[in-house]
C-alpha atoms as a PDB file:
ATOM      1  CA  MET A   1     126.763  67.552 103.643  1.00  0.00           C
ATOM      2  CA  ALA A   2     129.534  68.556 105.999  1.00  0.00           C
ATOM      3  CA  ARG A   3     132.343  70.834 104.832  1.00  0.00           C
ATOM      4  CA  MET A   4     135.934  70.328 105.910  1.00  0.00           C
ATOM      5  CA  LYS A   5     138.479  73.120 106.230  1.00  0.00           C
ATOM      6  CA  TYR A   6     142.190  72.517 105.840  1.00  0.00           C
ATOM      7  CA  LEU A   7     144.305  75.025 107.727  1.00  0.00           C
ATOM      8  CA  HIS A   8     147.655  73.366 107.106  1.00  0.00           C
ATOM      9  CA  ILE A   9     149.435  72.187 103.970  1.00  0.00           C
ATOM     10  CA  ILE A  10     152.371  69.823 103.945  1.00  0.00           C
ATOM     11  CA  VAL A  11     154.785  70.238 101.026  1.00  0.00           C
ATOM     12  CA  ILE A  12     157.512  67.672 100.503  1.00  0.00           C
ATOM     13  CA  ILE A  13     160.612  69.013  98.750  1.00  0.00           C
ATOM     14  CA  THR A  14     163.286  66.631  97.565  1.00  0.00           C
ATOM     15  CA  PHE A  15     166.755  67.967  96.720  1.00  0.00           C
ATOM     16  CA  THR A  16     168.875  66.054  94.269  1.00  0.00           C
ATOM     17  CA  LYS A  17     172.391  65.439  95.441  1.00  0.00           C
ATOM     18  CA  TYR A  18     175.231  66.262  93.087  1.00  0.00           C
ATOM     19  CA  LYS A  19     178.869  65.654  93.463  1.00  0.00           C
ATOM     20  CA  LYS A  20     181.176  68.649  93.671  1.00  0.00           C
ATOM     21  CA  ASP A  21     182.791  67.858  90.331  1.00  0.00           C
ATOM     22  CA  THR A  22     179.445  67.501  88.528  1.00  0.00           C
ATOM     23  CA  VAL A  23     177.785  70.431  86.740  1.00  0.00           C
ATOM     24  CA  PRO A  24     173.991  70.239  87.065  1.00  0.00           C
ATOM     25  CA  PRO A  25     171.725  71.138  84.104  1.00  0.00           C
ATOM     26  CA  SER A  26     171.323  74.934  84.106  1.00  0.00           C
ATOM     27  CA  ALA A  27     170.311  77.859  81.913  1.00  0.00           C
ATOM     28  CA  GLY A  28     172.796  80.496  80.817  1.00  0.00           C
ATOM     29  CA  TRP A  29     173.237  83.165  78.132  1.00  0.00           C
ATOM     30  CA  GLU A  30     171.230  82.826  74.951  1.00  0.00           C
ATOM     31  CA  LYS A  31     172.462  83.823  71.533  1.00  0.00           C
ATOM     32  CA  ASN A  32     171.552  87.383  70.639  1.00  0.00           C
ATOM     33  CA  GLU A  33     170.814  88.875  67.203  1.00  0.00           C
ATOM     34  CA  ARG A  34     174.554  88.708  66.439  1.00  0.00           C
ATOM     35  CA  GLN A  35     174.564  84.992  67.214  1.00  0.00           C
ATOM     36  CA  ARG A  36     176.780  85.578  70.209  1.00  0.00           C
ATOM     37  CA  LEU A  37     176.186  84.528  73.788  1.00  0.00           C
ATOM     38  CA  GLY A  38     175.110  87.530  75.798  1.00  0.00           C
ATOM     39  CA  SER A  39     172.247  89.370  77.403  1.00  0.00           C
ATOM     40  CA  ARG A  40     169.098  90.197  75.477  1.00  0.00           C
ATOM     41  CA  GLN A  41     167.775  93.752  75.510  1.00  0.00           C
ATOM     42  CA  VAL A  42     164.265  94.908  74.783  1.00  0.00           C
ATOM     43  CA  ASN A  43     163.534  98.482  73.665  1.00  0.00           C
ATOM     44  CA  LEU A  44     160.345  99.607  75.413  1.00  0.00           C
ATOM     45  CA  SER A  45     160.566 103.259  74.368  1.00  0.00           C
ATOM     46  CA  THR A  46     157.816 102.820  71.780  1.00  0.00           C
ATOM     47  CA  SER A  47     155.368 101.817  74.497  1.00  0.00           C
ATOM     48  CA  MET A  48     156.467 104.463  77.019  1.00  0.00           C
ATOM     49  CA  ASN A  49     157.172 107.585  74.928  1.00  0.00           C
ATOM     50  CA  PRO A  50     154.038 109.812  74.970  1.00  0.00           C
ATOM     51  CA  VAL A  51     154.890 111.378  71.604  1.00  0.00           C
ATOM     52  CA  HIS A  52     155.176 107.972  69.949  1.00  0.00           C
ATOM     53  CA  LEU A  53     151.982 106.799  71.635  1.00  0.00           C
ATOM     54  CA  ALA A  54     150.167 109.868  70.287  1.00  0.00           C
ATOM     55  CA  GLU A  55     151.485 109.262  66.764  1.00  0.00           C
ATOM     56  CA  THR A  56     150.375 105.632  66.909  1.00  0.00           C
ATOM     57  CA  ALA A  57     146.918 106.531  68.212  1.00  0.00           C
ATOM     58  CA  VAL A  58     146.413 109.226  65.565  1.00  0.00           C
ATOM     59  CA  GLY A  59     147.559 106.846  62.830  1.00  0.00           C
ATOM     60  CA  LEU A  60     145.153 104.131  63.937  1.00  0.00           C
ATOM     61  CA  ASN A  61     142.287 106.620  64.105  1.00  0.00           C
ATOM     62  CA  LEU A  62     143.020 107.823  60.564  1.00  0.00           C
ATOM     63  CA  LYS A  63     143.041 104.249  59.286  1.00  0.00           C
ATOM     64  CA  LEU A  64     139.673 103.693  60.951  1.00  0.00           C
ATOM     65  CA  MET A  65     138.295 106.858  59.331  1.00  0.00           C
ATOM     66  CA  LYS A  66     139.557 105.674  55.964  1.00  0.00           C
ATOM     67  CA  TRP A  67     138.045 102.236  56.422  1.00  0.00           C
ATOM     68  CA  ARG A  68     134.626 103.514  57.502  1.00  0.00           C
ATOM     69  CA  LEU A  69     134.229 106.866  55.721  1.00  0.00           C
ATOM     70  CA  ALA A  70     136.604 107.361  52.797  1.00  0.00           C
ATOM     71  CA  PRO A  71     138.259 104.174  51.500  1.00  0.00           C
ATOM     72  CA  GLU A  72     139.666 106.015  48.481  1.00  0.00           C
ATOM     73  CA  ILE A  73     141.629 108.591  50.510  1.00  0.00           C
ATOM     74  CA  ASP A  74     145.435 108.473  50.303  1.00  0.00           C
ATOM     75  CA  LEU A  75     146.708 108.979  53.853  1.00  0.00           C
ATOM     76  CA  GLU A  76     150.371 108.940  52.829  1.00  0.00           C
ATOM     77  CA  SER A  77     149.829 111.827  50.418  1.00  0.00           C
ATOM     78  CA  LEU A  78     148.055 113.833  53.107  1.00  0.00           C
ATOM     79  CA  GLU A  79     150.868 113.195  55.572  1.00  0.00           C
ATOM     80  CA  THR A  80     153.537 114.558  53.225  1.00  0.00           C
ATOM     81  CA  MET A  81     151.418 117.389  51.790  1.00  0.00           C
ATOM     82  CA  ARG A  82     152.760 120.883  52.555  1.00  0.00           C
ATOM     83  CA  CYS A  83     149.954 123.356  53.199  1.00  0.00           C
ATOM     84  CA  LEU A  84     150.335 127.140  53.224  1.00  0.00           C
ATOM     85  CA  LEU A  85     147.613 129.019  55.105  1.00  0.00           C
ATOM     86  CA  LEU A  86     147.457 132.729  54.308  1.00  0.00           C
ATOM     87  CA  GLY A  87     145.649 134.081  57.331  1.00  0.00           C
ATOM     88  CA  ALA A  88     145.715 132.813  60.915  1.00  0.00           C
ATOM     89  CA  GLY A  89     142.373 134.196  62.028  1.00  0.00           C
ATOM     90  CA  THR A  90     139.062 132.400  62.480  1.00  0.00           C
ATOM     91  CA  LEU A  91     139.306 130.606  59.137  1.00  0.00           C
ATOM     92  CA  GLY A  92     143.005 129.831  59.461  1.00  0.00           C
ATOM     93  CA  CYS A  93     142.691 128.341  62.944  1.00  0.00           C
ATOM     94  CA  ASN A  94     139.782 126.074  62.075  1.00  0.00           C
ATOM     95  CA  VAL A  95     141.151 124.986  58.703  1.00  0.00           C
ATOM     96  CA  ALA A  96     144.424 124.064  60.421  1.00  0.00           C
ATOM     97  CA  ARG A  97     142.583 121.945  62.986  1.00  0.00           C
ATOM     98  CA  CYS A  98     140.686 120.129  60.218  1.00  0.00           C
ATOM     99  CA  LEU A  99     143.872 119.507  58.242  1.00  0.00           C
ATOM    100  CA  MET A 100     145.585 118.129  61.318  1.00  0.00           C
ATOM    101  CA  ALA A 101     142.627 115.848  62.038  1.00  0.00           C
ATOM    102  CA  TRP A 102     143.009 114.290  58.575  1.00  0.00           C
ATOM    103  CA  GLY A 103     146.716 113.582  58.979  1.00  0.00           C
ATOM    104  CA  VAL A 104     148.369 116.647  57.409  1.00  0.00           C
ATOM    105  CA  LYS A 105     151.695 117.213  59.186  1.00  0.00           C
ATOM    106  CA  HIS A 106     153.202 120.203  57.341  1.00  0.00           C
ATOM    107  CA  ILE A 107     151.357 123.487  57.945  1.00  0.00           C
ATOM    108  CA  THR A 108     152.694 127.027  57.492  1.00  0.00           C
ATOM    109  CA  PHE A 109     150.887 130.188  58.615  1.00  0.00           C
ATOM    110  CA  VAL A 110     151.280 133.691  57.176  1.00  0.00           C
ATOM    111  CA  ASP A 111     149.726 136.651  58.983  1.00  0.00           C
ATOM    112  CA  ASN A 112     150.792 140.131  60.066  1.00  0.00           C
ATOM    113  CA  SER A 113     148.251 140.640  62.880  1.00  0.00           C
ATOM    114  CA  ARG A 114     148.574 140.221  66.612  1.00  0.00           C
ATOM    115  CA  ILE A 115     146.159 138.535  68.986  1.00  0.00           C
ATOM    116  CA  SER A 116     143.623 140.875  70.574  1.00  0.00           C
ATOM    117  CA  TYR A 117     141.276 140.221  73.480  1.00  0.00           C
ATOM    118  CA  SER A 118     138.340 139.483  71.166  1.00  0.00           C
ATOM    119  CA  ASN A 119     140.170 136.780  69.202  1.00  0.00           C
ATOM    120  CA  PRO A 120     140.416 133.688  71.486  1.00  0.00           C
ATOM    121  CA  VAL A 121     136.641 133.130  71.681  1.00  0.00           C
ATOM    122  CA  ARG A 122     136.458 132.760  67.879  1.00  0.00           C
ATOM    123  CA  GLN A 123     139.951 131.726  66.856  1.00  0.00           C
ATOM    124  CA  THR A 124     140.391 128.321  68.407  1.00  0.00           C
ATOM    125  CA  LEU A 125     144.187 128.116  68.476  1.00  0.00           C
ATOM    126  CA  PHE A 126     144.611 131.131  70.764  1.00  0.00           C
ATOM    127  CA  THR A 127     144.220 131.622  74.513  1.00  0.00           C
ATOM    128  CA  PHE A 128     143.582 134.555  76.808  1.00  0.00           C
ATOM    129  CA  GLN A 129     147.267 134.556  77.725  1.00  0.00           C
ATOM    130  CA  ASP A 130     148.173 134.996  74.056  1.00  0.00           C
ATOM    131  CA  SER A 131     146.048 138.127  73.904  1.00  0.00           C
ATOM    132  CA  CYS A 132     147.603 139.456  77.111  1.00  0.00           C
ATOM    133  CA  GLU A 133     151.038 139.075  75.527  1.00  0.00           C
ATOM    134  CA  ASN A 134     149.798 140.483  72.192  1.00  0.00           C
ATOM    135  CA  ARG A 135     151.530 137.628  70.375  1.00  0.00           C
ATOM    136  CA  PRO A 136     151.841 137.453  66.572  1.00  0.00           C
ATOM    137  CA  LYS A 137     149.026 135.282  65.232  1.00  0.00           C
ATOM    138  CA  ALA A 138     151.132 133.258  62.805  1.00  0.00           C
ATOM    139  CA  GLN A 139     153.702 132.123  65.359  1.00  0.00           C
ATOM    140  CA  ALA A 140     151.116 131.579  68.098  1.00  0.00           C
ATOM    141  CA  ALA A 141     149.045 129.386  65.778  1.00  0.00           C
ATOM    142  CA  ALA A 142     152.098 127.335  64.812  1.00  0.00           C
ATOM    143  CA  ASP A 143     153.039 126.852  68.474  1.00  0.00           C
ATOM    144  CA  ALA A 144     149.471 125.869  69.342  1.00  0.00           C
ATOM    145  CA  LEU A 145     149.462 123.093  66.735  1.00  0.00           C
ATOM    146  CA  LYS A 146     152.679 121.676  68.190  1.00  0.00           C
ATOM    147  CA  ALA A 147     151.184 121.792  71.686  1.00  0.00           C
ATOM    148  CA  ILE A 148     148.122 119.889  70.459  1.00  0.00           C
ATOM    149  CA  TYR A 149     150.113 117.303  68.510  1.00  0.00           C
ATOM    150  CA  PRO A 150     153.934 117.225  68.795  1.00  0.00           C
ATOM    151  CA  GLY A 151     154.237 115.194  65.595  1.00  0.00           C
ATOM    152  CA  ILE A 152     153.243 118.123  63.396  1.00  0.00           C
ATOM    153  CA  LYS A 153     155.692 120.452  61.643  1.00  0.00           C
ATOM    154  CA  SER A 154     154.228 123.949  61.802  1.00  0.00           C
ATOM    155  CA  THR A 155     155.819 127.324  61.130  1.00  0.00           C
ATOM    156  CA  GLY A 156     154.548 130.883  61.334  1.00  0.00           C
ATOM    157  CA  TYR A 157     155.688 133.972  59.419  1.00  0.00           C
ATOM    158  CA  ASP A 158     154.799 137.540  60.344  1.00  0.00           C
ATOM    159  CA  LEU A 159     154.406 138.894  56.819  1.00  0.00           C
ATOM    160  CA  THR A 160     152.412 141.745  55.291  1.00  0.00           C
ATOM    161  CA  ILE A 161     150.868 140.807  51.944  1.00  0.00           C
ATOM    162  CA  PRO A 162     151.049 143.752  49.487  1.00  0.00           C
ATOM    163  CA  MET A 163     147.581 144.782  48.298  1.00  0.00           C
ATOM    164  CA  PRO A 164     146.355 146.724  45.254  1.00  0.00           C
ATOM    165  CA  GLY A 165     145.080 150.192  46.068  1.00  0.00           C
ATOM    166  CA  HIS A 166     147.418 150.561  49.036  1.00  0.00           C
ATOM    167  CA  ALA A 167     150.054 153.213  48.435  1.00  0.00           C
ATOM    168  CA  VAL A 168     153.722 152.272  48.795  1.00  0.00           C
ATOM    169  CA  GLY A 169     156.086 155.025  49.908  1.00  0.00           C
ATOM    170  CA  GLU A 170     159.648 155.373  48.729  1.00  0.00           C
ATOM    171  CA  SER A 171     160.939 154.306  52.123  1.00  0.00           C
ATOM    172  CA  THR A 172     159.051 150.989  51.978  1.00  0.00           C
ATOM    173  CA  ILE A 173     159.586 149.992  48.339  1.00  0.00           C
ATOM    174  CA  GLU A 174     162.464 147.629  49.114  1.00  0.00           C
ATOM    175  CA  LYS A 175     160.573 146.066  52.008  1.00  0.00           C
ATOM    176  CA  VAL A 176     157.538 145.454  49.791  1.00  0.00           C
ATOM    177  CA  LYS A 177     159.735 143.837  47.134  1.00  0.00           C
ATOM    178  CA  GLU A 178     161.237 141.550  49.770  1.00  0.00           C
ATOM    179  CA  ASP A 179     157.763 140.605  50.999  1.00  0.00           C
ATOM    180  CA  VAL A 180     156.595 139.803  47.459  1.00  0.00           C
ATOM    181  CA  ASN A 181     159.654 137.634  46.777  1.00  0.00           C
ATOM    182  CA  PHE A 182     159.322 135.859  50.115  1.00  0.00           C
ATOM    183  CA  LEU A 183     155.621 135.201  49.521  1.00  0.00           C
ATOM    184  CA  HIS A 184     156.423 133.870  46.053  1.00  0.00           C
ATOM    185  CA  ASP A 185     159.021 131.494  47.522  1.00  0.00           C
ATOM    186  CA  LEU A 186     156.581 130.237  50.146  1.00  0.00           C
ATOM    187  CA  ILE A 187     153.882 129.526  47.566  1.00  0.00           C
ATOM    188  CA  ARG A 188     156.394 127.748  45.343  1.00  0.00           C
ATOM    189  CA  GLN A 189     157.622 125.555  48.231  1.00  0.00           C
ATOM    190  CA  HIS A 190     154.157 124.344  49.263  1.00  0.00           C
ATOM    191  CA  ASP A 191     151.748 121.945  47.594  1.00  0.00           C
ATOM    192  CA  VAL A 192     148.419 123.487  48.592  1.00  0.00           C
ATOM    193  CA  LEU A 193     147.523 127.152  49.083  1.00  0.00           C
ATOM    194  CA  PHE A 194     144.636 128.321  51.295  1.00  0.00           C
ATOM    195  CA  LEU A 195     143.470 131.938  50.882  1.00  0.00           C
ATOM    196  CA  LEU A 196     142.030 132.643  54.335  1.00  0.00           C
ATOM    197  CA  THR A 197     142.558 136.372  54.735  1.00  0.00           C
ATOM    198  CA  ASP A 198     139.676 138.742  55.474  1.00  0.00           C
ATOM    199  CA  SER A 199     139.717 140.971  52.374  1.00  0.00           C
ATOM    200  CA  ARG A 200     139.659 140.574  48.600  1.00  0.00           C
ATOM    201  CA  GLU A 201     142.625 142.912  48.236  1.00  0.00           C
ATOM    202  CA  SER A 202     144.861 140.718  50.384  1.00  0.00           C
ATOM    203  CA  ARG A 203     143.881 137.642  48.359  1.00  0.00           C
ATOM    204  CA  TRP A 204     144.641 139.198  44.961  1.00  0.00           C
ATOM    205  CA  LEU A 205     148.445 138.841  44.863  1.00  0.00           C
ATOM    206  CA  PRO A 206     148.500 135.284  46.318  1.00  0.00           C
ATOM    207  CA  THR A 207     145.861 134.303  43.743  1.00  0.00           C
ATOM    208  CA  VAL A 208     148.008 135.593  40.883  1.00  0.00           C
ATOM    209  CA  ILE A 209     151.165 133.907  42.196  1.00  0.00           C
ATOM    210  CA  GLY A 210     149.300 130.689  42.972  1.00  0.00           C
ATOM    211  CA  ALA A 211     147.859 130.546  39.463  1.00  0.00           C
ATOM    212  CA  ALA A 212     151.311 131.135  37.972  1.00  0.00           C
ATOM    213  CA  GLU A 213     152.742 128.316  40.101  1.00  0.00           C
ATOM    214  CA  GLN A 214     149.732 126.050  39.385  1.00  0.00           C
ATOM    215  CA  LYS A 215     148.736 125.707  43.025  1.00  0.00           C
END
């Protein structure tokens, strides 16, 4: 069977003639949301803003986790829950990452240490540059969470937790009182308290305050 190739196409276009005083059918302004004739505008920021795209993706992933793993979990409660992490070391860094993965958006760190060269390999929120700058752990951890997910609200406080058995000199009594009051306020303002410090002595006072505040 022979094949035929067409190399030319003829298109016939017919133009309708109108008189000069006749207005042809045409499209113009449509009514907007105010029921007035005007231009229509479409807001595409939700599909172009990286922060919003990240929030949407995280939200969808959490809904999938709820559907497949934990149908009884209350994602809205987790999102509004305020978590206080006492200690921004190995435990604090990894607990914060887990909380963030489950939708917690309010995380506060308390620590009085600075990042050393041995920390970044174990404490997953820190980098080599942080150790070079000898940054405070609490603030560095809070900044790292924001860099990972801009939708989170994280804060860090460089605070020394008073411990039993540690002598307090006359020159530091007022400072210790301020630290105790500030720690008490932080525990009162948060919903969940995590004791992630590396000694029993440093966990004693937060345990007493947390029990008094029913945390």
